[in-house]
Amino acid sequence: MADEQLITIRKIMESPLYQDSIEIGTPGKGGAIKVYGDFGNPEDFKKRITDAVRLRKAAVEMMEGGRIILTGYGEPPGA
């Protein structure tokens, strides 16, 4: 019994910091992002969402401009 309690306590203490999440967008319409945070701290969560949306927009712009080069897949087109 004591061993079971230790395992339970350890699992709680090792749980991820951000267990709450929200998903925005759809994969087929410009992409989806999933943001993890703490619903108990809405101001921090809003900042995390804003940062994620900004990064998603930057990624789309890079893809459209051809500025992303995937390594490990041979030479990029036109190289």
Foldseek 3Di string as FASTA:
>chain_A
DVVVVVVVVVCVVPDDPFPDKDKDDDCVPLHIDIFTHDPVDVVVSVVRVVVVVVVSVVVVVCVVVVVDDDPPPDDDPPD
